[in-house]
Amino acid sequence: MLSKNLIKVLSDQINAEYYSAYLYLSMSTWADKEGLKGTAKWLFAQAQEEMAHGTRIYQYVLERGESPTFGIIEKPMTSFLSIQDIFIKTLEHEQKVTKMINEIATVAMKENDHACYQFLMWFVNEQVEEEASASDILDKLKLIGDNKSMLLTLDNELGTRVFVNPFANLVN
């Protein structure tokens, strides 16, 4: 059984994960319109991943015999200055999500909910990967500078990303 406090923060995280999906869909749309099809594909895969994260947390709350609460999903930004702007915002967003996940883990520890804490460790580790991925892309964009042919090479590389649901074996 989850405490009311954990139900609230987990529900808030479900909402945040779905907002993240909307944000990445918005970014994907921008990239597509700018002719950066590989970047659009990478961002679309990122949106799918965020939906999977939200769904997994939702399933976890149900598995614990509780019902999540649902809030309004905020409208994401839709205007971006450049591909660099997108990945700066991606890194900033992932850092915010990391903070949120860490705060939920702290609540689980304080409430001695070891099962919830253990469940959250997957997300804690995932956030390390998320931040590293955005940082790596930003580093490449800095090296590329204004070199359009290298930007197209990076765009092609980003287009090789394929979404694989890490929770596929858990779907009811």
N, C-alpha and C. Protein backbone atom coordinates (compact mmCIF):
# COMPACT_ATOMS: atom_id res chain seq x y z
N MET A 1 0.84 -1.18 0.00
CA MET A 1 0.00 0.00 0.00
C MET A 1 0.89 1.25 0.00
N LEU A 2 0.58 2.14 -0.89
CA LEU A 2 1.32 3.40 -0.97
C LEU A 2 0.68 4.44 -0.06
N SER A 3 1.51 5.29 0.51
CA SER A 3 0.99 6.40 1.31
C SER A 3 0.31 7.41 0.38
N LYS A 4 -0.52 8.26 0.94
CA LYS A 4 -1.17 9.31 0.15
C LYS A 4 -0.13 10.23 -0.47
N ASN A 5 0.93 10.49 0.27
CA ASN A 5 1.98 11.36 -0.24
C ASN A 5 2.66 10.73 -1.46
N LEU A 6 2.97 9.43 -1.39
CA LEU A 6 3.60 8.77 -2.53
C LEU A 6 2.65 8.68 -3.72
N ILE A 7 1.37 8.45 -3.46
CA ILE A 7 0.40 8.43 -4.57
C ILE A 7 0.42 9.79 -5.26
N LYS A 8 0.46 10.87 -4.49
CA LYS A 8 0.46 12.21 -5.07
C LYS A 8 1.70 12.46 -5.91
N VAL A 9 2.89 12.18 -5.35
CA VAL A 9 4.11 12.49 -6.09
C VAL A 9 4.29 11.56 -7.30
N LEU A 10 3.85 10.32 -7.19
CA LEU A 10 3.91 9.42 -8.34
C LEU A 10 2.91 9.86 -9.41
N SER A 11 1.74 10.29 -8.99
CA SER A 11 0.74 10.81 -9.95
C SER A 11 1.27 12.06 -10.65
N ASP A 12 1.90 12.93 -9.88
CA ASP A 12 2.51 14.13 -10.47
C ASP A 12 3.58 13.74 -11.49
N GLN A 13 4.32 12.67 -11.20
CA GLN A 13 5.36 12.23 -12.13
C GLN A 13 4.76 11.65 -13.40
N ILE A 14 3.65 10.92 -13.27
CA ILE A 14 2.96 10.43 -14.46
C ILE A 14 2.63 11.62 -15.36
N ASN A 15 2.05 12.65 -14.78
CA ASN A 15 1.71 13.85 -15.52
C ASN A 15 2.94 14.47 -16.16
N ALA A 16 4.03 14.53 -15.41
CA ALA A 16 5.27 15.12 -15.92
C ALA A 16 5.84 14.31 -17.09
N GLU A 17 5.72 13.00 -17.02
CA GLU A 17 6.22 12.15 -18.11
C GLU A 17 5.40 12.37 -19.38
N TYR A 18 4.08 12.52 -19.22
CA TYR A 18 3.25 12.78 -20.40
C TYR A 18 3.50 14.18 -20.95
N TYR A 19 3.76 15.15 -20.07
CA TYR A 19 4.16 16.47 -20.54
C TYR A 19 5.47 16.36 -21.33
N SER A 20 6.40 15.58 -20.82
CA SER A 20 7.68 15.38 -21.52
C SER A 20 7.43 14.84 -22.93
N ALA A 21 6.51 13.89 -23.04
CA ALA A 21 6.19 13.33 -24.36
C ALA A 21 5.66 14.43 -25.28
N TYR A 22 4.77 15.28 -24.77
CA TYR A 22 4.24 16.39 -25.57
C TYR A 22 5.37 17.34 -25.99
N LEU A 23 6.26 17.62 -25.06
CA LEU A 23 7.38 18.51 -25.36
C LEU A 23 8.23 17.94 -26.49
N TYR A 24 8.56 16.65 -26.40
CA TYR A 24 9.40 16.05 -27.44
C TYR A 24 8.65 15.92 -28.77
N LEU A 25 7.33 15.73 -28.73
CA LEU A 25 6.56 15.73 -29.97
C LEU A 25 6.60 17.12 -30.61
N SER A 26 6.50 18.16 -29.79
CA SER A 26 6.58 19.52 -30.29
C SER A 26 7.95 19.78 -30.92
N MET A 27 8.99 19.35 -30.25
CA MET A 27 10.34 19.51 -30.79
C MET A 27 10.51 18.72 -32.08
N SER A 28 9.94 17.51 -32.12
CA SER A 28 10.02 16.67 -33.31
C SER A 28 9.34 17.36 -34.50
N THR A 29 8.21 17.96 -34.23
CA THR A 29 7.49 18.68 -35.28
C THR A 29 8.34 19.82 -35.83
N TRP A 30 8.97 20.59 -34.94
CA TRP A 30 9.84 21.68 -35.37
C TRP A 30 10.97 21.15 -36.25
N ALA A 31 11.63 20.09 -35.78
CA ALA A 31 12.76 19.52 -36.53
C ALA A 31 12.31 19.02 -37.91
N ASP A 32 11.15 18.39 -37.95
CA ASP A 32 10.62 17.90 -39.23
C ASP A 32 10.41 19.06 -40.20
N LYS A 33 9.82 20.13 -39.70
CA LYS A 33 9.55 21.30 -40.56
C LYS A 33 10.83 21.99 -41.02
N GLU A 34 11.91 21.82 -40.26
CA GLU A 34 13.20 22.41 -40.62
C GLU A 34 14.02 21.50 -41.54
N GLY A 35 13.46 20.34 -41.89
CA GLY A 35 14.16 19.41 -42.77
C GLY A 35 15.14 18.51 -42.06
N LEU A 36 15.10 18.49 -40.75
CA LEU A 36 15.99 17.64 -39.95
C LEU A 36 15.24 16.36 -39.58
N LYS A 37 15.04 15.52 -40.58
CA LYS A 37 14.22 14.32 -40.41
C LYS A 37 14.81 13.34 -39.40
N GLY A 38 16.11 13.22 -39.34
CA GLY A 38 16.74 12.31 -38.38
C GLY A 38 16.55 12.81 -36.95
N THR A 39 16.71 14.10 -36.76
CA THR A 39 16.48 14.70 -35.45
C THR A 39 15.02 14.54 -35.06
N ALA A 40 14.12 14.74 -36.01
CA ALA A 40 12.69 14.56 -35.74
C ALA A 40 12.41 13.13 -35.30
N LYS A 41 13.05 12.16 -35.94
CA LYS A 41 12.86 10.75 -35.58
C LYS A 41 13.40 10.49 -34.17
N TRP A 42 14.57 11.05 -33.85
CA TRP A 42 15.16 10.88 -32.52
C TRP A 42 14.21 11.45 -31.46
N LEU A 43 13.69 12.63 -31.71
CA LEU A 43 12.80 13.28 -30.75
C LEU A 43 11.47 12.54 -30.64
N PHE A 44 10.98 11.98 -31.73
CA PHE A 44 9.76 11.19 -31.69
C PHE A 44 9.98 9.93 -30.83
N ALA A 45 11.13 9.29 -30.99
CA ALA A 45 11.46 8.13 -30.16
C ALA A 45 11.54 8.54 -28.69
N GLN A 46 12.06 9.72 -28.44
CA GLN A 46 12.14 10.23 -27.07
C GLN A 46 10.73 10.42 -26.50
N ALA A 47 9.82 10.93 -27.31
CA ALA A 47 8.43 11.09 -26.87
C ALA A 47 7.81 9.74 -26.53
N GLN A 48 8.06 8.74 -27.35
CA GLN A 48 7.53 7.40 -27.08
C GLN A 48 8.10 6.85 -25.77
N GLU A 49 9.37 7.12 -25.54
CA GLU A 49 10.00 6.66 -24.30
C GLU A 49 9.36 7.31 -23.08
N GLU A 50 9.09 8.60 -23.18
CA GLU A 50 8.46 9.29 -22.05
C GLU A 50 7.05 8.76 -21.78
N MET A 51 6.31 8.45 -22.83
CA MET A 51 4.99 7.84 -22.65
C MET A 51 5.12 6.50 -21.94
N ALA A 52 6.13 5.72 -22.32
CA ALA A 52 6.35 4.43 -21.67
C ALA A 52 6.68 4.62 -20.19
N HIS A 53 7.47 5.64 -19.87
CA HIS A 53 7.81 5.91 -18.47
C HIS A 53 6.55 6.24 -17.68
N GLY A 54 5.72 7.13 -18.21
CA GLY A 54 4.49 7.50 -17.53
C GLY A 54 3.57 6.30 -17.33
N THR A 55 3.46 5.48 -18.37
CA THR A 55 2.61 4.30 -18.29
C THR A 55 3.13 3.31 -17.27
N ARG A 56 4.44 3.16 -17.19
CA ARG A 56 5.01 2.22 -16.21
C ARG A 56 4.74 2.69 -14.79
N ILE A 57 4.88 3.98 -14.53
CA ILE A 57 4.58 4.50 -13.19
C ILE A 57 3.10 4.31 -12.88
N TYR A 58 2.24 4.56 -13.85
CA TYR A 58 0.80 4.34 -13.71
C TYR A 58 0.54 2.88 -13.31
N GLN A 59 1.16 1.95 -14.04
CA GLN A 59 0.97 0.52 -13.75
C GLN A 59 1.46 0.18 -12.34
N TYR A 60 2.56 0.78 -11.94
CA TYR A 60 3.11 0.52 -10.61
C TYR A 60 2.12 0.95 -9.52
N VAL A 61 1.55 2.12 -9.66
CA VAL A 61 0.57 2.60 -8.68
C VAL A 61 -0.59 1.61 -8.60
N LEU A 62 -1.07 1.14 -9.74
CA LEU A 62 -2.15 0.15 -9.75
C LEU A 62 -1.71 -1.16 -9.09
N GLU A 63 -0.49 -1.61 -9.39
CA GLU A 63 0.04 -2.84 -8.80
C GLU A 63 0.07 -2.76 -7.28
N ARG A 64 0.26 -1.57 -6.77
CA ARG A 64 0.30 -1.37 -5.32
C ARG A 64 -1.10 -1.20 -4.73
N GLY A 65 -2.12 -1.39 -5.54
CA GLY A 65 -3.49 -1.35 -5.06
C GLY A 65 -4.09 0.03 -4.92
N GLU A 66 -3.47 1.00 -5.58
CA GLU A 66 -3.94 2.38 -5.47
C GLU A 66 -4.35 2.91 -6.84
N SER A 67 -4.94 4.08 -6.85
CA SER A 67 -5.34 4.75 -8.09
C SER A 67 -4.61 6.07 -8.21
N PRO A 68 -3.94 6.27 -9.34
CA PRO A 68 -3.29 7.57 -9.54
C PRO A 68 -4.33 8.65 -9.77
N THR A 69 -3.94 9.88 -9.51
CA THR A 69 -4.79 11.02 -9.84
C THR A 69 -4.24 11.66 -11.11
N PHE A 70 -5.11 12.31 -11.84
CA PHE A 70 -4.70 12.88 -13.11
C PHE A 70 -4.91 14.38 -13.10
N GLY A 71 -3.93 15.09 -13.64
CA GLY A 71 -4.01 16.54 -13.72
C GLY A 71 -3.97 16.99 -15.17
N ILE A 72 -4.03 18.27 -15.35
CA ILE A 72 -3.95 18.87 -16.68
C ILE A 72 -2.51 18.76 -17.17
N ILE A 73 -2.37 18.37 -18.42
CA ILE A 73 -1.04 18.33 -19.03
C ILE A 73 -0.81 19.68 -19.70
N GLU A 74 0.21 20.36 -19.21
CA GLU A 74 0.54 21.70 -19.70
C GLU A 74 0.89 21.67 -21.19
N LYS A 75 0.55 22.73 -21.88
CA LYS A 75 0.90 22.86 -23.29
C LYS A 75 2.41 23.08 -23.40
N PRO A 76 3.09 22.33 -24.27
CA PRO A 76 4.54 22.53 -24.41
C PRO A 76 4.85 23.73 -25.30
N MET A 77 6.09 24.20 -25.19
CA MET A 77 6.54 25.26 -26.09
C MET A 77 6.57 24.70 -27.51
N THR A 78 6.37 25.57 -28.47
CA THR A 78 6.32 25.13 -29.86
C THR A 78 7.32 25.86 -30.77
N SER A 79 7.97 26.87 -30.24
CA SER A 79 8.94 27.63 -31.05
C SER A 79 10.34 27.39 -30.52
N PHE A 80 11.23 27.15 -31.46
CA PHE A 80 12.63 26.91 -31.11
C PHE A 80 13.51 27.69 -32.08
N LEU A 81 14.66 28.11 -31.60
CA LEU A 81 15.54 28.94 -32.40
C LEU A 81 16.42 28.14 -33.34
N SER A 82 16.79 26.92 -32.91
CA SER A 82 17.74 26.11 -33.67
C SER A 82 17.77 24.71 -33.08
N ILE A 83 18.50 23.84 -33.75
CA ILE A 83 18.69 22.49 -33.21
C ILE A 83 19.46 22.57 -31.88
N GLN A 84 20.41 23.51 -31.79
CA GLN A 84 21.12 23.69 -30.53
C GLN A 84 20.16 24.08 -29.42
N ASP A 85 19.24 24.98 -29.73
CA ASP A 85 18.24 25.41 -28.75
C ASP A 85 17.41 24.21 -28.28
N ILE A 86 17.04 23.35 -29.19
CA ILE A 86 16.27 22.16 -28.82
C ILE A 86 17.04 21.30 -27.83
N PHE A 87 18.31 21.05 -28.10
CA PHE A 87 19.05 20.15 -27.22
C PHE A 87 19.49 20.83 -25.92
N ILE A 88 19.62 22.14 -25.93
CA ILE A 88 19.82 22.86 -24.65
C ILE A 88 18.58 22.69 -23.80
N LYS A 89 17.41 22.88 -24.40
CA LYS A 89 16.15 22.73 -23.68
C LYS A 89 15.93 21.27 -23.26
N THR A 90 16.37 20.34 -24.09
CA THR A 90 16.27 18.92 -23.75
C THR A 90 17.09 18.62 -22.50
N LEU A 91 18.32 19.08 -22.48
CA LEU A 91 19.17 18.84 -21.31
C LEU A 91 18.57 19.49 -20.06
N GLU A 92 18.14 20.73 -20.18
CA GLU A 92 17.53 21.42 -19.04
C GLU A 92 16.29 20.66 -18.54
N HIS A 93 15.49 20.18 -19.48
CA HIS A 93 14.28 19.45 -19.11
C HIS A 93 14.63 18.14 -18.40
N GLU A 94 15.60 17.43 -18.94
CA GLU A 94 15.99 16.15 -18.31
C GLU A 94 16.59 16.38 -16.93
N GLN A 95 17.30 17.47 -16.74
CA GLN A 95 17.82 17.80 -15.40
C GLN A 95 16.67 18.06 -14.43
N LYS A 96 15.63 18.72 -14.92
CA LYS A 96 14.44 18.96 -14.09
C LYS A 96 13.76 17.63 -13.73
N VAL A 97 13.64 16.74 -14.70
CA VAL A 97 13.02 15.43 -14.44
C VAL A 97 13.87 14.63 -13.45
N THR A 98 15.18 14.70 -13.58
CA THR A 98 16.07 14.03 -12.63
C THR A 98 15.80 14.50 -11.21
N LYS A 99 15.67 15.80 -11.05
CA LYS A 99 15.38 16.37 -9.73
C LYS A 99 14.06 15.83 -9.20
N MET A 100 13.06 15.76 -10.04
CA MET A 100 11.75 15.26 -9.61
C MET A 100 11.83 13.79 -9.18
N ILE A 101 12.50 12.97 -9.98
CA ILE A 101 12.64 11.55 -9.64
C ILE A 101 13.40 11.39 -8.33
N ASN A 102 14.47 12.16 -8.17
CA ASN A 102 15.23 12.09 -6.92
C ASN A 102 14.38 12.48 -5.72
N GLU A 103 13.54 13.48 -5.89
CA GLU A 103 12.66 13.90 -4.80
C GLU A 103 11.66 12.81 -4.43
N ILE A 104 11.14 12.10 -5.42
CA ILE A 104 10.22 10.99 -5.14
C ILE A 104 10.97 9.88 -4.40
N ALA A 105 12.18 9.58 -4.83
CA ALA A 105 12.97 8.56 -4.15
C ALA A 105 13.23 8.95 -2.70
N THR A 106 13.47 10.22 -2.45
CA THR A 106 13.67 10.71 -1.08
C THR A 106 12.42 10.50 -0.24
N VAL A 107 11.26 10.79 -0.83
CA VAL A 107 10.00 10.57 -0.12
C VAL A 107 9.85 9.08 0.21
N ALA A 108 10.13 8.21 -0.75
CA ALA A 108 10.01 6.77 -0.52
C ALA A 108 10.95 6.32 0.60
N MET A 109 12.19 6.86 0.62
CA MET A 109 13.14 6.52 1.70
C MET A 109 12.63 6.99 3.05
N LYS A 110 12.15 8.23 3.10
CA LYS A 110 11.67 8.79 4.37
C LYS A 110 10.48 8.01 4.91
N GLU A 111 9.68 7.46 4.00
CA GLU A 111 8.49 6.72 4.42
C GLU A 111 8.77 5.23 4.58
N ASN A 112 10.04 4.85 4.43
CA ASN A 112 10.46 3.45 4.54
C ASN A 112 9.71 2.54 3.58
N ASP A 113 9.39 3.05 2.40
CA ASP A 113 8.75 2.23 1.38
C ASP A 113 9.86 1.71 0.46
N HIS A 114 10.44 0.61 0.89
CA HIS A 114 11.59 0.05 0.18
C HIS A 114 11.23 -0.44 -1.22
N ALA A 115 10.01 -0.96 -1.37
CA ALA A 115 9.58 -1.43 -2.69
C ALA A 115 9.50 -0.25 -3.67
N CYS A 116 8.92 0.84 -3.24
CA CYS A 116 8.81 2.01 -4.10
C CYS A 116 10.20 2.58 -4.40
N TYR A 117 11.05 2.63 -3.38
CA TYR A 117 12.41 3.14 -3.59
C TYR A 117 13.13 2.28 -4.63
N GLN A 118 13.01 0.97 -4.51
CA GLN A 118 13.66 0.05 -5.45
C GLN A 118 13.10 0.25 -6.87
N PHE A 119 11.79 0.40 -6.96
CA PHE A 119 11.15 0.65 -8.25
C PHE A 119 11.72 1.91 -8.90
N LEU A 120 11.92 2.95 -8.12
CA LEU A 120 12.40 4.23 -8.63
C LEU A 120 13.86 4.20 -9.07
N MET A 121 14.64 3.24 -8.58
CA MET A 121 16.05 3.18 -8.96
C MET A 121 16.25 2.99 -10.46
N TRP A 122 15.32 2.30 -11.13
CA TRP A 122 15.43 2.17 -12.58
C TRP A 122 15.36 3.56 -13.21
N PHE A 123 14.44 4.39 -12.73
CA PHE A 123 14.27 5.74 -13.28
C PHE A 123 15.45 6.64 -12.93
N VAL A 124 16.00 6.48 -11.74
CA VAL A 124 17.19 7.25 -11.34
C VAL A 124 18.32 6.96 -12.33
N ASN A 125 18.56 5.69 -12.60
CA ASN A 125 19.63 5.30 -13.53
C ASN A 125 19.31 5.75 -14.96
N GLU A 126 18.06 5.68 -15.35
CA GLU A 126 17.65 6.12 -16.67
C GLU A 126 17.94 7.60 -16.87
N GLN A 127 17.76 8.39 -15.82
CA GLN A 127 18.00 9.83 -15.94
C GLN A 127 19.48 10.14 -16.16
N VAL A 128 20.36 9.33 -15.62
CA VAL A 128 21.79 9.52 -15.90
C VAL A 128 22.02 9.37 -17.40
N GLU A 129 21.41 8.35 -17.98
CA GLU A 129 21.52 8.11 -19.42
C GLU A 129 20.89 9.25 -20.23
N GLU A 130 19.74 9.72 -19.80
CA GLU A 130 19.04 10.79 -20.53
C GLU A 130 19.89 12.07 -20.58
N GLU A 131 20.44 12.45 -19.43
CA GLU A 131 21.27 13.66 -19.39
C GLU A 131 22.54 13.48 -20.21
N ALA A 132 23.15 12.31 -20.13
CA ALA A 132 24.38 12.06 -20.89
C ALA A 132 24.12 12.12 -22.39
N SER A 133 23.00 11.58 -22.82
CA SER A 133 22.65 11.58 -24.25
C SER A 133 22.49 13.01 -24.77
N ALA A 134 21.73 13.83 -24.03
CA ALA A 134 21.55 15.22 -24.45
C ALA A 134 22.88 15.97 -24.44
N SER A 135 23.70 15.74 -23.43
CA SER A 135 25.02 16.40 -23.36
C SER A 135 25.91 16.00 -24.52
N ASP A 136 25.90 14.72 -24.88
CA ASP A 136 26.72 14.24 -25.99
C ASP A 136 26.31 14.92 -27.30
N ILE A 137 25.00 15.03 -27.51
CA ILE A 137 24.52 15.66 -28.74
C ILE A 137 24.92 17.14 -28.75
N LEU A 138 24.78 17.81 -27.61
CA LEU A 138 25.19 19.22 -27.54
C LEU A 138 26.68 19.38 -27.82
N ASP A 139 27.50 18.48 -27.28
CA ASP A 139 28.94 18.54 -27.55
C ASP A 139 29.22 18.41 -29.04
N LYS A 140 28.52 17.50 -29.70
CA LYS A 140 28.71 17.34 -31.14
C LYS A 140 28.27 18.59 -31.89
N LEU A 141 27.16 19.18 -31.47
CA LEU A 141 26.69 20.40 -32.13
C LEU A 141 27.68 21.55 -31.96
N LYS A 142 28.34 21.62 -30.82
CA LYS A 142 29.36 22.66 -30.61
C LYS A 142 30.53 22.45 -31.56
N LEU A 143 30.94 21.20 -31.74
CA LEU A 143 32.04 20.89 -32.66
C LEU A 143 31.66 21.20 -34.11
N ILE A 144 30.41 20.92 -34.45
CA ILE A 144 29.93 21.13 -35.81
C ILE A 144 29.88 22.62 -36.16
N GLY A 145 29.45 23.43 -35.20
CA GLY A 145 29.34 24.87 -35.46
C GLY A 145 28.38 25.14 -36.60
N ASP A 146 28.84 25.89 -37.61
CA ASP A 146 27.99 26.26 -38.75
C ASP A 146 28.19 25.34 -39.96
N ASN A 147 28.87 24.23 -39.77
CA ASN A 147 29.16 23.30 -40.86
C ASN A 147 27.90 22.49 -41.20
N LYS A 148 27.22 22.88 -42.27
CA LYS A 148 25.94 22.25 -42.65
C LYS A 148 26.10 20.78 -43.03
N SER A 149 27.19 20.44 -43.69
CA SER A 149 27.36 19.03 -44.07
C SER A 149 27.56 18.15 -42.84
N MET A 150 28.26 18.66 -41.83
CA MET A 150 28.42 17.89 -40.60
C MET A 150 27.10 17.82 -39.83
N LEU A 151 26.29 18.87 -39.91
CA LEU A 151 24.97 18.85 -39.28
C LEU A 151 24.11 17.76 -39.92
N LEU A 152 24.18 17.64 -41.23
CA LEU A 152 23.42 16.59 -41.91
C LEU A 152 23.93 15.20 -41.52
N THR A 153 25.23 15.08 -41.31
CA THR A 153 25.79 13.80 -40.85
C THR A 153 25.25 13.46 -39.47
N LEU A 154 25.24 14.43 -38.56
CA LEU A 154 24.68 14.21 -37.23
C LEU A 154 23.19 13.89 -37.32
N ASP A 155 22.47 14.61 -38.18
CA ASP A 155 21.05 14.36 -38.35
C ASP A 155 20.81 12.92 -38.81
N ASN A 156 21.62 12.44 -39.74
CA ASN A 156 21.50 11.05 -40.19
C ASN A 156 21.78 10.08 -39.05
N GLU A 157 22.78 10.40 -38.23
CA GLU A 157 23.10 9.54 -37.08
C GLU A 157 21.94 9.51 -36.10
N LEU A 158 21.35 10.66 -35.81
CA LEU A 158 20.22 10.71 -34.88
C LEU A 158 19.03 9.92 -35.43
N GLY A 159 18.90 9.88 -36.74
CA GLY A 159 17.80 9.16 -37.38
C GLY A 159 17.88 7.66 -37.27
N THR A 160 18.98 7.14 -36.78
CA THR A 160 19.11 5.69 -36.63
C THR A 160 18.48 5.18 -35.33
N ARG A 161 18.08 6.11 -34.46
CA ARG A 161 17.49 5.71 -33.19
C ARG A 161 16.15 5.01 -33.42
N VAL A 162 15.97 3.90 -32.72
CA VAL A 162 14.73 3.15 -32.78
C VAL A 162 14.22 2.99 -31.35
N PHE A 163 12.96 3.33 -31.12
CA PHE A 163 12.38 3.17 -29.79
C PHE A 163 12.16 1.69 -29.50
N VAL A 164 12.66 1.27 -28.35
CA VAL A 164 12.41 -0.07 -27.83
C VAL A 164 11.83 0.12 -26.44
N ASN A 165 10.61 -0.34 -26.26
CA ASN A 165 9.95 -0.16 -24.97
C ASN A 165 10.63 -1.02 -23.90
N PRO A 166 11.26 -0.39 -22.91
CA PRO A 166 11.95 -1.16 -21.88
C PRO A 166 11.01 -1.94 -20.97
N PHE A 167 9.73 -1.66 -21.07
CA PHE A 167 8.74 -2.31 -20.22
C PHE A 167 7.81 -3.23 -21.02
N ALA A 168 8.17 -3.56 -22.24
CA ALA A 168 7.28 -4.33 -23.12
C ALA A 168 6.81 -5.64 -22.47
N ASN A 169 7.68 -6.26 -21.70
CA ASN A 169 7.30 -7.53 -21.07
C ASN A 169 6.38 -7.34 -19.87
N LEU A 170 6.13 -6.09 -19.46
CA LEU A 170 5.29 -5.81 -18.30
C LEU A 170 3.89 -5.34 -18.68
N VAL A 171 3.66 -5.12 -19.98
CA VAL A 171 2.37 -4.59 -20.41
C VAL A 171 1.28 -5.62 -20.13
N ASN A 172 0.19 -5.13 -19.52
CA ASN A 172 -0.93 -6.02 -19.17
C ASN A 172 -1.69 -6.45 -20.39
